[in-house]
Amino acid sequence: MPIPTAQQALIAEINAKSLQSLVDKRDDNAVAKMVNAGRVKVGPHLGGVGDFLRALGPDAGGAALDAMDVMPSPVKWMMVLIRAGTFDFGDPSMREQIDALAALGTITVAGAAALKALAEQADLVSVADVSRALNGEVN
């Protein structure tokens, strides 16, 4: 049987992180720990004004929302979603708009990261996943 795509992706991730010395020692626990460092997945997260205020802080969040309130498209349409609490912080196009707000100086780069983090969660692999991938075992 061929190796599943998820295991192939894990092997590629291990190789990309230059963990060959740990692989050679077969320290699968250390490999899993290193692979998991900073590994996240983005999913849907619907939110609105409260999310902006919590993520950016009341002053910066309020100032950003005030500035966005008078901006032209597409920001004015973002505000419709934000006010309704249906802005999806995980949607790729909305994440691009958050980055655009940072590029314009409406929010800081750190603020953009905090807003995008609302839709991120740890995407951990287990030691058993690492072992299976390195052993070429099929789940």
Protein backbone atom coordinates (compact mmCIF):
# COMPACT_ATOMS: atom_id res chain seq x y z
CA MET A 1 0.00 0.00 0.00
CA PRO A 2 1.20 3.52 -0.69
CA ILE A 3 2.05 5.82 2.21
CA PRO A 4 -0.92 8.12 2.95
CA THR A 5 -0.65 11.75 1.93
CA ALA A 6 -0.74 12.97 5.55
CA GLN A 7 2.29 10.84 6.39
CA GLN A 8 4.11 12.02 3.27
CA ALA A 9 3.39 15.61 4.33
CA LEU A 10 4.70 14.88 7.83
CA ILE A 11 7.91 13.40 6.41
CA ALA A 12 8.32 16.50 4.21
CA GLU A 13 7.77 18.72 7.26
CA ILE A 14 10.38 16.77 9.25
CA ASN A 15 12.85 17.13 6.37
CA ALA A 16 12.11 20.85 5.99
CA LYS A 17 12.88 21.44 9.66
CA SER A 18 16.30 19.78 9.31
CA LEU A 19 15.68 17.19 12.01
CA GLN A 20 17.81 14.46 10.44
CA SER A 21 20.07 14.12 13.49
CA LEU A 22 17.04 13.37 15.67
CA VAL A 23 15.65 11.02 13.02
CA ASP A 24 18.98 9.19 12.86
CA LYS A 25 18.86 8.73 16.66
CA ARG A 26 15.19 7.71 16.32
CA ASP A 27 14.26 10.18 19.01
CA ASP A 28 10.66 10.27 17.81
CA ASN A 29 9.57 12.18 20.91
CA ALA A 30 12.00 15.03 20.19
CA VAL A 31 11.04 14.99 16.49
CA ALA A 32 7.35 15.35 17.42
CA LYS A 33 8.18 18.19 19.82
CA MET A 34 10.16 20.06 17.16
CA VAL A 35 7.53 19.49 14.46
CA ASN A 36 4.78 20.71 16.79
CA ALA A 37 6.59 23.96 17.61
CA GLY A 38 4.48 26.69 16.04
CA ARG A 39 2.34 24.22 14.07
CA VAL A 40 -1.16 25.61 13.70
CA LYS A 41 -4.19 25.13 11.53
CA VAL A 42 -6.59 27.84 10.55
CA GLY A 43 -10.30 27.24 10.86
CA PRO A 44 -13.41 29.33 10.81
CA HIS A 45 -13.94 31.81 13.62
CA LEU A 46 -16.90 34.12 13.29
CA GLY A 47 -16.69 37.26 15.36
CA GLY A 48 -17.10 40.96 15.44
CA VAL A 49 -16.54 44.15 17.37
CA GLY A 50 -15.81 42.38 20.65
CA ASP A 51 -13.08 40.29 19.02
CA PHE A 52 -11.39 43.42 17.69
CA LEU A 53 -11.53 45.09 21.11
CA ARG A 54 -10.21 42.01 22.94
CA ALA A 55 -7.45 41.23 20.43
CA LEU A 56 -6.22 44.79 19.94
CA GLY A 57 -7.13 46.23 23.33
CA PRO A 58 -9.94 48.70 23.93
CA ASP A 59 -8.08 51.80 22.83
CA ALA A 60 -6.34 50.43 19.72
CA GLY A 61 -9.35 48.30 18.84
CA GLY A 62 -11.73 51.21 19.16
CA ALA A 63 -9.46 53.47 17.12
CA ALA A 64 -9.13 50.82 14.40
CA LEU A 65 -12.89 50.30 14.22
CA ASP A 66 -13.48 54.07 14.09
CA ALA A 67 -10.97 54.41 11.24
CA MET A 68 -12.40 51.43 9.38
CA ASP A 69 -15.90 52.84 9.71
CA VAL A 70 -15.11 55.63 7.25
CA MET A 71 -12.94 53.69 4.80
CA PRO A 72 -14.09 52.85 1.26
CA SER A 73 -14.66 49.34 -0.13
CA PRO A 74 -13.73 46.65 0.70
CA VAL A 75 -13.30 47.80 4.30
CA LYS A 76 -16.79 49.27 4.50
CA TRP A 77 -18.17 45.80 3.65
CA MET A 78 -15.90 44.21 6.23
CA MET A 79 -17.51 46.51 8.77
CA VAL A 80 -20.95 45.12 7.87
CA LEU A 81 -19.69 41.64 8.79
CA ILE A 82 -17.86 42.89 11.89
CA ARG A 83 -20.95 44.69 13.19
CA ALA A 84 -23.06 41.56 12.57
CA GLY A 85 -20.53 39.33 14.34
CA THR A 86 -20.09 37.26 11.17
CA PHE A 87 -16.59 38.30 10.14
CA ASP A 88 -14.66 35.04 9.57
CA PHE A 89 -11.13 35.49 10.92
CA GLY A 90 -10.17 32.18 9.29
CA ASP A 91 -11.28 32.99 5.76
CA PRO A 92 -8.21 33.51 3.53
CA SER A 93 -9.60 36.63 1.89
CA MET A 94 -10.50 38.17 5.26
CA ARG A 95 -7.03 37.35 6.58
CA GLU A 96 -5.60 39.23 3.56
CA GLN A 97 -7.78 42.21 4.46
CA ILE A 98 -6.45 42.12 8.02
CA ASP A 99 -2.91 42.23 6.60
CA ALA A 100 -3.94 45.12 4.35
CA LEU A 101 -5.14 47.04 7.42
CA ALA A 102 -1.69 46.56 8.95
CA ALA A 103 0.00 47.69 5.73
CA LEU A 104 -2.12 50.84 5.81
CA GLY A 105 -1.21 51.48 9.44
CA THR A 106 -4.80 51.13 10.65
CA ILE A 107 -3.63 48.35 12.95
CA THR A 108 -0.14 47.20 13.86
CA VAL A 109 1.46 44.06 12.46
CA ALA A 110 1.23 42.59 15.97
CA GLY A 111 -2.45 43.52 16.03
CA ALA A 112 -3.00 41.76 12.71
CA ALA A 113 -1.31 38.66 14.11
CA ALA A 114 -3.52 38.81 17.21
CA LEU A 115 -6.67 39.06 15.09
CA LYS A 116 -5.62 36.20 12.82
CA ALA A 117 -4.69 34.09 15.85
CA LEU A 118 -8.38 34.03 16.78
CA ALA A 119 -8.87 31.45 14.01
CA GLU A 120 -5.72 29.43 14.75
CA GLN A 121 -5.39 26.37 16.90
CA ALA A 122 -2.59 23.95 17.59
CA ASP A 123 -2.26 21.23 14.96
CA LEU A 124 -0.23 18.72 16.89
CA VAL A 125 1.14 15.41 15.69
CA SER A 126 1.65 12.59 18.15
CA VAL A 127 4.83 10.64 18.74
CA ALA A 128 2.97 7.64 17.29
CA ASP A 129 2.25 9.67 14.11
CA VAL A 130 5.95 10.46 13.79
CA SER A 131 6.92 6.85 14.39
CA ARG A 132 4.47 5.56 11.77
CA ALA A 133 5.68 8.11 9.24
CA LEU A 134 9.36 7.34 9.83
CA ASN A 135 8.68 3.60 9.75
CA GLY A 136 6.70 3.91 6.52
CA GLU A 137 3.73 2.24 8.16
CA VAL A 138 0.27 2.64 6.70
CA ASN A 139 -2.37 3.69 9.25
